[in-house]
Protein backbone atom coordinates (compact mmCIF):
# COMPACT_ATOMS: atom_id res chain seq x y z
CA UNK A 1 60.50 -18.94 -155.87
CA UNK A 2 60.77 -15.97 -153.56
CA UNK A 3 60.78 -12.70 -155.48
CA UNK A 4 64.23 -11.36 -154.61
CA UNK A 5 67.15 -10.50 -156.83
CA UNK A 6 69.36 -12.98 -154.98
CA UNK A 7 66.99 -15.90 -155.60
CA UNK A 8 66.72 -15.11 -159.29
CA UNK A 9 70.51 -14.85 -159.56
CA UNK A 10 70.96 -18.19 -157.81
CA UNK A 11 68.46 -19.80 -160.17
CA UNK A 12 70.22 -18.46 -163.27
CA UNK A 13 73.59 -19.70 -162.01
CA UNK A 14 72.14 -23.15 -161.27
CA UNK A 15 70.34 -23.50 -164.60
CA UNK A 16 73.02 -22.12 -166.94
CA UNK A 17 76.31 -21.78 -165.05
CA UNK A 18 78.57 -21.61 -168.11
CA UNK A 19 76.42 -19.32 -170.24
CA UNK A 20 77.57 -15.71 -170.65
CA UNK A 21 75.61 -13.46 -168.33
CA UNK A 22 77.06 -9.96 -168.68
CA UNK A 23 79.43 -8.47 -171.25
CA UNK A 24 80.92 -4.99 -171.00
CA UNK A 25 82.41 -3.63 -174.21
CA UNK A 26 85.09 -1.07 -173.36
CA UNK A 27 85.78 1.53 -176.04
CA UNK A 28 88.04 3.72 -173.90
CA UNK A 29 91.30 2.07 -175.02
CA UNK A 30 90.30 0.46 -178.31
CA UNK A 31 88.09 2.09 -180.94
CA UNK A 32 86.63 -1.30 -181.85
CA UNK A 33 85.89 -2.17 -178.23
CA UNK A 34 87.28 -4.81 -175.89
CA UNK A 35 84.75 -7.23 -174.39
CA UNK A 36 84.93 -8.35 -170.75
CA UNK A 37 82.52 -11.16 -169.84
CA UNK A 38 81.14 -12.98 -166.82
CA UNK A 39 79.26 -16.28 -166.90
CA UNK A 40 76.33 -16.81 -164.56
CA UNK A 41 78.55 -18.92 -162.29
CA UNK A 42 81.32 -16.31 -162.23
CA UNK A 43 78.81 -13.54 -161.60
CA UNK A 44 77.18 -15.35 -158.70
CA UNK A 45 80.55 -16.17 -157.16
CA UNK A 46 81.68 -12.55 -157.26
CA UNK A 47 78.33 -11.26 -156.02
CA UNK A 48 78.18 -13.92 -153.27
CA UNK A 49 81.69 -13.08 -152.05
CA UNK A 50 81.18 -9.31 -152.07
CA UNK A 51 77.75 -9.63 -150.43
CA UNK A 52 79.28 -11.64 -147.58
CA UNK A 53 81.99 -9.04 -147.12
CA UNK A 54 79.36 -6.28 -147.10
CA UNK A 55 77.28 -8.09 -144.48
CA UNK A 56 80.28 -8.50 -142.22
CA UNK A 57 81.16 -4.82 -142.75
CA UNK A 58 77.89 -3.79 -141.12
CA UNK A 59 76.01 -2.96 -144.31
CA UNK A 60 72.84 -5.00 -143.65
CA UNK A 61 69.88 -2.61 -143.58
CA UNK A 62 72.17 0.32 -144.38
CA UNK A 63 72.58 2.21 -147.62
CA UNK A 64 75.48 1.30 -149.91
CA UNK A 65 76.10 3.74 -152.76
CA UNK A 66 77.52 2.60 -156.09
CA UNK A 67 79.68 5.36 -157.59
CA UNK A 68 81.64 3.25 -160.07
CA UNK A 69 81.93 4.01 -163.76
CA UNK A 70 79.77 1.94 -166.11
CA UNK A 71 81.44 -1.49 -166.18
CA UNK A 72 81.13 -4.96 -164.66
CA UNK A 73 82.24 -3.64 -161.27
CA UNK A 74 79.06 -1.57 -161.22
CA UNK A 75 76.89 -4.59 -162.00
CA UNK A 76 78.58 -6.72 -159.33
CA UNK A 77 78.48 -3.92 -156.75
CA UNK A 78 74.80 -3.21 -157.24
CA UNK A 79 73.79 -6.88 -157.16
CA UNK A 80 76.00 -7.60 -154.15
CA UNK A 81 74.54 -4.72 -152.14
CA UNK A 82 70.98 -5.89 -152.82
CA UNK A 83 71.84 -9.55 -152.11
CA UNK A 84 73.62 -8.62 -148.88
CA UNK A 85 70.44 -7.19 -147.38
CA UNK A 86 71.73 -3.65 -147.79
CA UNK A 87 69.90 -0.88 -149.64
CA UNK A 88 71.81 -0.12 -152.83
CA UNK A 89 71.98 3.48 -154.04
CA UNK A 90 72.90 3.41 -157.75
CA UNK A 91 74.65 6.68 -158.55
CA UNK A 92 77.67 7.68 -160.66
CA UNK A 93 81.32 8.69 -160.27
CA UNK A 94 82.07 12.32 -159.34
CA UNK A 95 83.94 12.78 -162.62
CA UNK A 96 80.68 12.71 -164.60
CA UNK A 97 80.47 16.23 -166.11
CA UNK A 98 77.74 18.51 -164.79
CA UNK A 99 76.49 16.11 -162.12
CA UNK A 100 78.63 16.87 -159.06
CA UNK A 101 75.95 18.86 -157.26
CA UNK A 102 73.35 16.17 -157.82
CA UNK A 103 75.73 13.47 -156.57
CA UNK A 104 76.46 15.46 -153.42
CA UNK A 105 72.76 16.01 -152.78
CA UNK A 106 71.85 12.34 -153.31
CA UNK A 107 74.66 11.17 -151.01
CA UNK A 108 73.57 13.63 -148.34
CA UNK A 109 69.97 12.45 -148.63
CA UNK A 110 70.69 8.71 -148.67
CA UNK A 111 73.42 8.89 -145.99
CA UNK A 112 75.18 5.65 -147.02
CA UNK A 113 77.78 3.91 -144.86
CA UNK A 114 79.79 2.70 -147.85
CA UNK A 115 80.38 3.79 -151.42
CA UNK A 116 81.56 1.13 -153.87
CA UNK A 117 83.71 2.13 -156.82
CA UNK A 118 86.30 0.73 -159.23
CA UNK A 119 90.03 0.90 -158.49
CA UNK A 120 90.61 3.49 -161.22
CA UNK A 121 87.98 5.80 -159.73
CA UNK A 122 88.87 5.34 -156.06
CA UNK A 123 91.01 8.46 -155.66
CA UNK A 124 88.48 10.80 -157.29
CA UNK A 125 85.62 9.33 -155.25
CA UNK A 126 87.54 9.59 -151.98
CA UNK A 127 88.44 13.22 -152.63
CA UNK A 128 84.90 14.14 -153.63
CA UNK A 129 83.35 12.54 -150.55
CA UNK A 130 85.98 14.06 -148.25
CA UNK A 131 85.03 17.50 -149.55
CA UNK A 132 81.35 16.99 -148.62
CA UNK A 133 80.43 17.93 -145.06
CA UNK A 134 78.35 15.58 -142.95
CA UNK A 135 78.97 12.35 -144.86
CA UNK A 136 79.79 9.28 -142.78
CA UNK A 137 80.57 6.95 -145.65
CA UNK A 138 83.77 5.11 -146.47
CA UNK A 139 84.75 4.74 -150.14
CA UNK A 140 85.91 1.20 -150.96
CA UNK A 141 86.48 -1.13 -153.87
CA UNK A 142 85.45 -4.76 -154.17
CA UNK A 143 89.11 -5.73 -153.72
CA UNK A 144 89.37 -3.61 -150.54
CA UNK A 145 86.50 -5.40 -148.84
CA UNK A 146 87.58 -8.88 -149.89
CA UNK A 147 91.20 -8.25 -148.84
CA UNK A 148 90.15 -6.92 -145.45
CA UNK A 149 87.93 -9.94 -144.98
CA UNK A 150 90.73 -12.34 -145.96
CA UNK A 151 93.19 -10.56 -143.65
CA UNK A 152 90.96 -11.43 -140.71
CA UNK A 153 91.32 -15.08 -141.63
CA UNK A 154 87.66 -15.51 -142.49
CA UNK A 155 86.00 -16.82 -145.64
CA UNK A 156 83.22 -15.45 -147.77
CA UNK A 157 81.90 -18.93 -148.56
CA UNK A 158 79.13 -20.77 -146.83
CA UNK A 159 75.37 -20.62 -146.96
CA UNK A 160 73.81 -17.70 -148.77
CA UNK A 161 71.55 -15.40 -146.76
CA UNK A 162 68.71 -14.00 -148.88
CA UNK A 163 66.82 -10.78 -148.15
CA UNK A 164 63.02 -10.86 -148.05
CA UNK A 165 60.80 -9.76 -150.95
CA UNK A 166 59.40 -6.89 -148.88
CA UNK A 167 62.86 -5.53 -148.05
CA UNK A 168 64.00 -2.37 -149.82
CA UNK A 169 66.45 -3.38 -152.56
CA UNK A 170 67.57 0.09 -153.64
CA UNK A 171 66.81 3.79 -153.77
CA UNK A 172 66.17 5.09 -157.26
CA UNK A 173 66.95 8.79 -157.36
CA UNK A 174 64.84 10.56 -159.91
CA UNK A 175 66.64 12.78 -162.40
CA UNK A 176 65.80 16.37 -161.71
CA UNK A 177 66.32 18.75 -158.83
CA UNK A 178 69.77 18.73 -157.28
CA UNK A 179 68.67 20.60 -154.19
CA UNK A 180 65.70 18.39 -153.29
CA UNK A 181 66.55 14.86 -154.47
CA UNK A 182 63.91 12.18 -154.16
CA UNK A 183 64.93 8.58 -153.72
CA UNK A 184 62.17 6.09 -154.54
CA UNK A 185 62.20 3.03 -152.28
CA UNK A 186 62.09 -0.02 -154.55
CA UNK A 187 61.66 -3.38 -152.83
CA UNK A 188 62.89 -6.72 -154.13
CA UNK A 189 59.28 -7.64 -154.89
CA UNK A 190 58.78 -4.35 -156.78
CA UNK A 191 61.77 -4.70 -159.09
CA UNK A 192 61.36 -8.43 -159.68
CA UNK A 193 57.70 -7.87 -160.55
CA UNK A 194 58.56 -5.01 -162.92
CA UNK A 195 61.36 -6.97 -164.56
CA UNK A 196 58.89 -9.82 -165.05
CA UNK A 197 56.34 -7.44 -166.54
CA UNK A 198 58.94 -6.16 -169.01
CA UNK A 199 60.04 -9.70 -169.89
CA UNK A 200 56.40 -10.55 -170.61
CA UNK A 201 55.54 -7.36 -172.50
CA UNK A 202 58.58 -7.49 -174.77
CA UNK A 203 58.44 -11.30 -175.08
CA UNK A 204 61.99 -11.84 -173.82
CA UNK A 205 63.00 -15.51 -173.77
CA UNK A 206 66.09 -17.28 -172.53
CA UNK A 207 68.07 -18.83 -175.37
CA UNK A 208 66.55 -16.46 -177.93
CA UNK A 209 67.02 -12.90 -176.71
CA UNK A 210 69.55 -10.64 -175.06
CA UNK A 211 69.64 -7.00 -173.97
CA UNK A 212 72.02 -4.44 -175.46
CA UNK A 213 72.36 -0.99 -173.97
CA UNK A 214 74.31 2.16 -173.26
CA UNK A 215 71.84 3.84 -170.89
CA UNK A 216 73.42 4.84 -167.56
CA UNK A 217 72.97 2.17 -164.91
CA UNK A 218 72.01 4.85 -162.38
CA UNK A 219 69.00 5.59 -164.61
CA UNK A 220 65.85 3.58 -163.86
CA UNK A 221 65.46 2.28 -167.41
CA UNK A 222 69.13 1.38 -167.71
CA UNK A 223 69.23 -0.40 -164.36
CA UNK A 224 66.12 -2.53 -164.82
CA UNK A 225 66.45 -3.40 -168.50
CA UNK A 226 70.23 -3.94 -168.51
CA UNK A 227 70.75 -5.53 -165.07
CA UNK A 228 67.65 -6.82 -163.28
CA UNK A 229 65.55 -7.99 -166.25
CA UNK A 230 68.45 -10.11 -167.58
CA UNK A 231 68.80 -11.73 -164.14
CA UNK A 232 65.06 -12.38 -163.83
CA UNK A 233 64.72 -13.55 -167.44
CA UNK A 234 68.09 -15.33 -167.52
CA UNK A 235 69.16 -13.62 -170.73
CA UNK A 236 72.61 -12.19 -171.48
CA UNK A 237 73.20 -8.45 -171.15
CA UNK A 238 75.65 -6.49 -173.31
CA UNK A 239 76.69 -3.09 -171.95
CA UNK A 240 78.67 -0.10 -173.13
CA UNK A 241 79.43 3.28 -171.60
CA UNK A 242 77.10 6.20 -172.44
CA UNK A 243 80.10 8.29 -173.48
CA UNK A 244 81.05 5.64 -176.04
CA UNK A 245 77.60 6.07 -177.58
CA UNK A 246 77.83 9.86 -177.62
CA UNK A 247 81.24 9.73 -179.28
CA UNK A 248 80.17 7.23 -181.94
CA UNK A 249 76.50 6.20 -181.92
CA UNK A 250 77.20 3.57 -184.57
CA UNK A 251 78.81 1.49 -181.81
CA UNK A 252 75.38 0.87 -180.32
CA UNK A 253 73.95 -0.19 -183.66
CA UNK A 254 76.93 -2.47 -184.32
CA UNK A 255 76.33 -4.28 -181.03
CA UNK A 256 72.69 -4.70 -182.00
CA UNK A 257 73.81 -6.12 -185.34
CA UNK A 258 76.23 -8.52 -183.65
CA UNK A 259 73.74 -9.91 -181.12
CA UNK A 260 70.64 -11.51 -182.69
CA UNK A 261 67.39 -11.16 -180.80
CA UNK A 262 68.54 -8.01 -179.02
CA UNK A 263 66.23 -5.81 -176.99
CA UNK A 264 67.41 -2.26 -176.39
CA UNK A 265 66.05 1.00 -175.01
CA UNK A 266 66.83 4.68 -175.46
CA UNK A 267 65.16 8.07 -175.19
CA UNK A 268 63.70 9.66 -178.28
CA UNK A 269 66.75 11.85 -178.96
CA UNK A 270 69.09 8.86 -179.34
CA UNK A 271 67.32 7.62 -182.44
CA UNK A 272 67.54 11.04 -184.08
CA UNK A 273 71.17 11.25 -183.00
CA UNK A 274 71.91 8.04 -184.89
CA UNK A 275 70.22 9.39 -188.01
CA UNK A 276 72.37 12.54 -187.90
CA UNK A 277 75.71 11.02 -186.90
CA UNK A 278 75.94 7.57 -188.51
CA UNK A 279 77.58 7.93 -191.93
CA UNK A 280 76.48 6.16 -195.09
CA UNK A 281 79.62 4.03 -194.98
CA UNK A 282 78.99 3.01 -191.38
CA UNK A 283 75.32 2.34 -192.06
CA UNK A 284 76.08 0.01 -194.97
CA UNK A 285 77.88 -2.40 -192.64
CA UNK A 286 74.97 -2.75 -190.19
CA UNK A 287 72.38 -5.52 -190.04
CA UNK A 288 69.37 -4.62 -187.89
CA UNK A 289 66.93 -7.23 -189.15
CA UNK A 290 67.33 -9.47 -186.09
CA UNK A 291 66.67 -6.74 -183.49
CA UNK A 292 63.72 -7.88 -181.38
CA UNK A 293 62.70 -4.55 -179.87
CA UNK A 294 63.88 -0.95 -179.78
CA UNK A 295 62.14 0.73 -176.86
CA UNK A 296 61.50 4.45 -177.17
CA UNK A 297 60.82 5.49 -173.60
CA UNK A 298 60.92 9.26 -173.67
CA UNK A 299 57.93 11.57 -173.40
CA UNK A 300 56.95 12.99 -175.75
CA UNK A 301 57.79 10.37 -178.35
CA UNK A 302 58.10 12.17 -181.67
CA UNK A 303 56.48 10.65 -184.73
CA UNK A 304 59.08 12.39 -186.90
CA UNK A 305 61.84 10.56 -185.05
CA UNK A 306 60.23 7.19 -185.70
CA UNK A 307 59.89 8.05 -189.38
CA UNK A 308 63.42 9.40 -189.77
CA UNK A 309 64.99 6.38 -188.09
CA UNK A 310 62.99 3.93 -190.15
CA UNK A 311 63.78 5.74 -193.39
CA UNK A 312 67.50 5.88 -192.59
CA UNK A 313 67.95 2.28 -191.43
CA UNK A 314 65.32 0.31 -193.36
CA UNK A 315 67.93 -0.47 -196.06
CA UNK A 316 69.94 -2.39 -193.43
CA UNK A 317 67.03 -4.37 -192.04
CA UNK A 318 65.29 -2.08 -189.53
CA UNK A 319 61.58 -2.88 -189.35
CA UNK A 320 58.94 -0.52 -187.94
CA UNK A 321 57.38 -3.27 -185.80
CA UNK A 322 60.59 -3.46 -183.75
CA UNK A 323 60.09 0.11 -182.52
CA UNK A 324 58.16 -0.07 -179.22
CA UNK A 325 56.93 3.27 -177.82
CA UNK A 326 56.69 2.85 -174.05
CA UNK A 327 55.76 4.72 -170.89
CA UNK A 328 57.19 4.45 -167.42
CA UNK A 329 58.50 6.29 -164.39
CA UNK A 330 60.81 5.66 -161.44
CA UNK A 331 57.97 5.57 -158.91
CA UNK A 332 56.63 2.47 -160.71
CA UNK A 333 60.19 1.02 -160.79
CA UNK A 334 60.28 1.96 -164.49
CA UNK A 335 58.05 0.05 -166.91
CA UNK A 336 54.30 0.69 -167.22
CA UNK A 337 53.07 0.19 -170.78
CA UNK A 338 54.23 -0.45 -174.33
CA UNK A 339 52.82 -0.76 -177.81
CA UNK A 340 51.53 -4.21 -178.87
CA UNK A 341 54.12 -6.67 -180.21
CA UNK A 342 54.23 -7.17 -183.95
CA UNK A 343 52.50 -3.88 -184.68
CA UNK A 344 53.86 -0.61 -186.01
CA UNK A 345 53.66 2.36 -183.64
CA UNK A 346 50.21 3.91 -183.48
CA UNK A 347 50.07 7.63 -184.29
CA UNK A 348 46.80 9.54 -183.93
CA UNK A 349 46.02 13.07 -185.07
CA UNK A 350 44.02 14.87 -182.39
CA UNK A 351 42.23 18.17 -182.58
CA UNK A 352 44.57 20.59 -180.80
CA UNK A 353 41.84 22.81 -179.39
CA UNK A 354 39.94 19.81 -178.04
CA UNK A 355 43.10 18.53 -176.37
CA UNK A 356 43.59 21.90 -174.73
CA UNK A 357 40.02 21.64 -173.43
CA UNK A 358 40.64 18.20 -171.96
CA UNK A 359 39.23 15.91 -174.64
CA UNK A 360 41.08 13.68 -177.10
CA UNK A 361 39.07 14.00 -180.29
CA UNK A 362 40.55 12.71 -183.55
CA UNK A 363 41.02 15.51 -186.07
CA UNK A 364 38.76 15.62 -189.10
CA UNK A 365 41.82 15.90 -191.32
CA UNK A 366 45.49 15.34 -190.57
CA UNK A 367 46.31 18.22 -192.93
CA UNK A 368 44.58 20.94 -190.90
CA UNK A 369 46.99 23.21 -188.98
CA UNK A 370 45.30 22.78 -185.56
CA UNK A 371 46.38 19.16 -185.18
CA UNK A 372 48.50 17.44 -182.54
CA UNK A 373 49.98 14.09 -183.51
CA UNK A 374 50.54 11.75 -180.55
CA UNK A 375 52.23 8.37 -180.43
CA UNK A 376 50.38 5.69 -178.47
CA UNK A 377 52.11 3.82 -175.66
CA UNK A 378 49.88 0.75 -175.81
CA UNK A 379 48.58 -0.93 -172.67
CA UNK A 380 50.05 -1.78 -169.28
CA UNK A 381 51.21 -5.28 -168.41
CA UNK A 382 49.89 -6.71 -165.11
CA UNK A 383 49.19 -3.21 -163.80
CA UNK A 384 46.08 -1.07 -163.60
CA UNK A 385 45.97 2.42 -165.10
CA UNK A 386 43.25 4.97 -164.35
CA UNK A 387 42.80 8.42 -165.88
CA UNK A 388 41.66 10.66 -163.05
CA UNK A 389 40.52 14.24 -162.59
CA UNK A 390 43.36 15.43 -160.31
CA UNK A 391 41.12 17.91 -158.51
CA UNK A 392 38.06 15.73 -157.82
CA UNK A 393 39.81 12.33 -157.82
CA UNK A 394 37.00 11.01 -160.05
CA UNK A 395 37.91 8.37 -162.63
CA UNK A 396 37.37 9.69 -166.15
CA UNK A 397 35.92 7.93 -169.15
CA UNK A 398 37.93 7.09 -172.25
CA UNK A 399 38.72 10.15 -174.35
CA UNK A 400 38.99 12.51 -171.37
CA UNK A 401 42.40 13.83 -170.40
CA UNK A 402 43.41 13.53 -166.77
CA UNK A 403 46.20 12.51 -164.45
CA UNK A 404 47.57 9.01 -164.88
CA UNK A 405 47.15 6.92 -161.73
CA UNK A 406 48.72 3.47 -161.33
CA UNK A 407 48.66 0.49 -159.07
CA UNK A 408 50.41 -2.85 -159.24
CA UNK A 409 53.11 -4.93 -157.55
CA UNK A 410 55.81 -2.81 -159.20
CA UNK A 411 54.85 0.50 -157.55
CA UNK A 412 57.50 1.60 -155.06
CA UNK A 413 56.66 2.03 -151.42
CA UNK A 414 57.46 5.74 -151.12
CA UNK A 415 60.15 8.42 -151.14
CA UNK A 416 63.08 7.88 -148.82
CA UNK A 417 62.72 10.05 -145.70
CA UNK A 418 59.65 11.91 -147.01
CA UNK A 419 56.52 10.52 -145.35
CA UNK A 420 54.18 13.38 -146.28
CA UNK A 421 55.24 13.41 -149.93
CA UNK A 422 54.99 9.61 -149.99
CA UNK A 423 51.48 9.65 -148.55
CA UNK A 424 50.28 12.15 -151.15
CA UNK A 425 51.94 10.43 -154.12
CA UNK A 426 51.89 6.70 -153.37
CA UNK A 427 48.72 6.30 -151.33
CA UNK A 428 46.12 8.27 -153.26
CA UNK A 429 42.48 7.17 -153.31
CA UNK A 430 39.78 7.58 -155.91
CA UNK A 431 36.62 9.35 -154.89
CA UNK A 432 34.34 6.72 -153.39
CA UNK A 433 37.09 4.25 -152.41
CA UNK A 434 36.80 2.67 -148.97
CA UNK A 435 39.30 4.50 -146.76
CA UNK A 436 39.76 1.35 -144.70
CA UNK A 437 40.78 -0.78 -147.67
CA UNK A 438 44.57 -0.73 -147.77
CA UNK A 439 44.64 -2.51 -151.12
CA UNK A 440 43.03 0.39 -152.99
CA UNK A 441 46.01 2.76 -152.96
CA UNK A 442 47.05 4.43 -156.20
CA UNK A 443 50.23 6.09 -157.38
CA UNK A 444 49.75 9.63 -158.66
CA UNK A 445 52.21 10.04 -161.53
CA UNK A 446 51.86 13.77 -162.14
CA UNK A 447 51.60 12.93 -165.84
CA UNK A 448 48.62 13.76 -168.01
CA UNK A 449 47.23 11.13 -170.35
CA UNK A 450 44.19 9.73 -172.07
CA UNK A 451 42.77 6.39 -173.17
CA UNK A 452 41.85 6.31 -176.84
CA UNK A 453 41.08 3.22 -178.89
CA UNK A 454 42.72 0.94 -176.29
CA UNK A 455 45.96 2.92 -176.30
CA UNK A 456 47.43 5.09 -173.56
CA UNK A 457 48.57 8.48 -174.86
CA UNK A 458 50.76 10.79 -172.81
CA UNK A 459 49.64 14.37 -173.36
CA UNK A 460 51.83 16.33 -170.97
CA UNK A 461 52.84 16.89 -167.37
CA UNK A 462 50.99 18.51 -164.54
CA UNK A 463 54.19 19.84 -163.10
CA UNK A 464 56.61 22.07 -164.90
CA UNK A 465 59.34 19.52 -165.47
CA UNK A 466 61.62 20.35 -168.36
CA UNK A 467 62.45 17.12 -170.23
CA UNK A 468 65.46 17.32 -172.53
CA UNK A 469 66.78 14.20 -174.29
CA UNK A 470 64.87 11.97 -171.93
CA UNK A 471 66.21 13.62 -168.76
CA UNK A 472 64.09 15.57 -166.30
CA UNK A 473 65.23 19.01 -165.17
CA UNK A 474 63.47 21.16 -162.59
CA UNK A 475 62.95 24.67 -163.96
CA UNK A 476 63.66 26.38 -160.64
CA UNK A 477 67.16 24.88 -160.66
CA UNK A 478 67.85 26.12 -164.18
CA UNK A 479 66.42 29.54 -163.34
CA UNK A 480 68.70 29.88 -160.34
CA UNK A 481 71.69 28.94 -162.46
CA UNK A 482 70.73 31.56 -165.05
CA UNK A 483 70.22 34.27 -162.46
CA UNK A 484 73.66 33.61 -161.02
CA UNK A 485 75.34 33.60 -164.43
CA UNK A 486 75.40 37.37 -165.11
CA UNK A 487 74.72 40.53 -163.06
CA UNK A 488 72.42 41.97 -165.73
CA UNK A 489 69.80 39.25 -165.08
CA UNK A 490 67.03 40.16 -162.66
CA UNK A 491 66.50 37.64 -159.87
CA UNK A 492 63.16 35.88 -159.49
CA UNK A 493 62.09 37.07 -162.92
CA UNK A 494 63.26 34.12 -165.03
CA UNK A 495 61.25 31.33 -166.64
CA UNK A 496 62.67 28.05 -167.96
CA UNK A 497 60.58 25.72 -170.08
CA UNK A 498 60.85 23.36 -173.04
CA UNK A 499 59.45 23.68 -176.54
CA UNK A 500 59.00 21.00 -179.17
CA UNK A 501 61.35 21.36 -182.15
CA UNK A 502 62.24 19.06 -185.05
CA UNK A 503 64.97 17.66 -182.78
CA UNK A 504 62.64 16.98 -179.85
CA UNK A 505 62.08 18.99 -176.69
CA UNK A 506 64.60 21.81 -176.24
CA UNK A 507 65.26 24.32 -173.48
CA UNK A 508 64.22 27.97 -173.66
CA UNK A 509 64.89 30.58 -171.00
CA UNK A 510 63.25 33.99 -170.80
CA UNK A 511 64.94 36.30 -168.28
CA UNK A 512 64.28 39.93 -167.46
CA UNK A 513 67.26 42.26 -167.29
CA UNK A 514 67.70 44.46 -164.24
CA UNK A 515 66.00 47.83 -164.20
CA UNK A 516 69.34 49.63 -164.02
CA UNK A 517 70.61 48.06 -167.25
CA UNK A 518 70.75 51.14 -169.43
CA UNK A 519 71.62 49.43 -172.72
CA UNK A 520 70.47 45.78 -172.75
CA UNK A 521 71.73 45.23 -176.29
CA UNK A 522 75.30 45.97 -175.22
CA UNK A 523 75.31 43.13 -172.66
CA UNK A 524 73.28 40.61 -174.68
CA UNK A 525 76.18 38.70 -176.19
CA UNK A 526 78.12 38.56 -172.93
CA UNK A 527 75.06 37.54 -170.89
CA UNK A 528 74.12 34.89 -173.46
CA UNK A 529 77.59 33.36 -173.38
CA UNK A 530 77.55 33.32 -169.59
CA UNK A 531 74.10 31.74 -169.41
CA UNK A 532 74.89 29.08 -172.00
CA UNK A 533 78.12 28.16 -170.22
CA UNK A 534 76.46 28.00 -166.80
CA UNK A 535 73.50 25.89 -167.96
CA UNK A 536 75.82 23.51 -169.78
CA UNK A 537 78.16 23.17 -166.80
CA UNK A 538 75.47 22.74 -164.12
CA UNK A 539 72.82 20.81 -166.01
CA UNK A 540 74.67 19.26 -168.98
CA UNK A 541 72.13 20.55 -171.49
CA UNK A 542 72.34 23.02 -174.36
CA UNK A 543 70.19 26.14 -174.47
CA UNK A 544 68.03 26.36 -177.58
CA UNK A 545 66.95 29.97 -177.11
CA UNK A 546 67.72 32.71 -174.60
CA UNK A 547 65.59 35.84 -174.40
CA UNK A 548 66.74 38.85 -172.39
CA UNK A 549 63.45 40.64 -171.83
CA UNK A 550 62.52 44.02 -170.45
CA UNK A 551 61.43 44.30 -166.79
CA UNK A 552 57.84 43.20 -166.25
CA UNK A 553 57.78 40.92 -169.30
CA UNK A 554 57.85 37.60 -167.44
CA UNK A 555 54.31 36.81 -166.18
CA UNK A 556 53.70 36.00 -162.52
CA UNK A 557 50.78 34.42 -160.66
CA UNK A 558 48.73 36.38 -158.14
CA UNK A 559 50.81 34.84 -155.37
CA UNK A 560 54.01 36.17 -156.92
CA UNK A 561 55.29 32.95 -158.50
CA UNK A 562 56.66 32.85 -162.05
CA UNK A 563 53.89 31.64 -164.39
CA UNK A 564 56.00 29.35 -166.59
CA UNK A 565 53.14 28.02 -168.70
CA UNK A 566 51.90 31.52 -169.46
CA UNK A 567 55.44 32.56 -170.34
CA UNK A 568 55.81 29.56 -172.64
CA UNK A 569 52.55 30.45 -174.40
CA UNK A 570 53.70 34.03 -174.92
CA UNK A 571 56.97 32.75 -176.34
CA UNK A 572 55.22 30.39 -178.77
CA UNK A 573 52.91 33.21 -179.83
CA UNK A 574 55.93 35.29 -180.80
CA UNK A 575 55.80 37.82 -177.99
CA UNK A 576 59.58 38.28 -178.13
CA UNK A 577 60.14 38.18 -181.86
CA UNK A 578 60.72 41.93 -182.05
CA UNK A 579 63.96 43.47 -180.86
CA UNK A 580 61.90 46.42 -179.58
CA UNK A 581 60.43 44.11 -176.95
CA UNK A 582 63.44 42.07 -176.02
CA UNK A 583 67.00 41.17 -176.80
CA UNK A 584 67.48 37.57 -177.89
CA UNK A 585 69.88 35.05 -179.27
CA UNK A 586 68.93 31.69 -180.72
CA UNK A 587 71.13 28.67 -181.32
CA UNK A 588 69.34 25.71 -182.82
CA UNK A 589 71.36 22.67 -181.81
């Protein structure tokens, strides 16, 4: 079989036409949820019809954005765009709070000709796109395209035209900067290979397993594990809206209870969220003993989270071997490695000072204060991982910390419209590799990791990404938001970074006040409120701690750039604990 989404969909429809393929459980009108289902035959028919309409609308080889809410229309729209020979761009509706700027930037970068949405979201999407300058796209629904096609007296039936494995299936926009979005080009061969790797690693089998999820379908993990992997593995997928999870996280756990053999995925924070929000009464009605795998795919994965979740839900069947710490990134489609099946998560206590020096050395005693506890992410499946000195490009031995480099059939082909960035990231070479050998390219992940006892451990990031609840945020974007929030904040003297708390990674901002602020204490409360509101509105994250520091307090490099790591270290060392040095306000959320 050719490795394209359309071929896998056709196979599933031929082998199990009447089996349920996708189910969307809608909690927006009914607190108990209303299920809407498609069989494999119904799914293929809708996808086939819409794909034909897209082809005859001039979408072949062009970008087609999906800006529908999370529902079956989104699934059909994405699959139809890829099967039509277009390049899908999975995004989100403009009504998603705090994401308008990112949506505008991604649309401007991808330059799609069409944007697919649901009928209920059409008006909002049309208005949003009309307000953006330079866009050439037309916002349409599935019904619009099919009606226009029917009005011309033509039919969407006939022989199916499949794209080629090497064709770009979609652009996966990485979560992060809104001003410089990066769309990873994922081919049909890439995503089918990665879905197959996930099916193999998590032992997903037709007739035994299903996927259950609430992750956004515009997110790499949500898209692959809830849409493409079910198509490739021919297993049913059960979906719900992310907002439905946020409102009542027990809904997710109920769906897991109701669907034996379920595989699900979520960032680290979601498991802690369930522990905090699910009541004893709700918990008593759950049955998690049949859950096949609960993927924890957020870095860093917190050991305390694994323990808290297991302690809270063991009485209703949760088993520690179902929890599967995993590692992945959009540039590799999504999935890279996971813990071994049938084993509890591996947690190792490393000497903190040795880690800081670049060596993973197990601590003599787990009780000593200078210990860092890391959760292992197992081994890759049908991919090669190398730990490399990022400066010398020399492969490092086990136990040495370096940059994680990858290669395999799942690695994307580059960033959309960014040849220089693509060359540096996707076509790296180890020292000593033959420059003429085109098969020896590596993907530079920008992540730091180490091999220890046959497990891959993620130790940090080379870049200054701030990761909150599994979502990446670029610090320069947050800093600009903060500096625009209140006139007392000094421009270009702000540092945003994350710190590890009992609730996972949380955001801290240290900002200098202007030199002409005579009484910083008098503006602290007002500035704090303004900063919190701005960060929440623009980035959809809560601020853990805000420090209004005196001029000159935020460290800079010799070239004049904010030294975020140095600032973070000063913060952790208590540099701003005294009100004589700074004004501060903390809100542990």
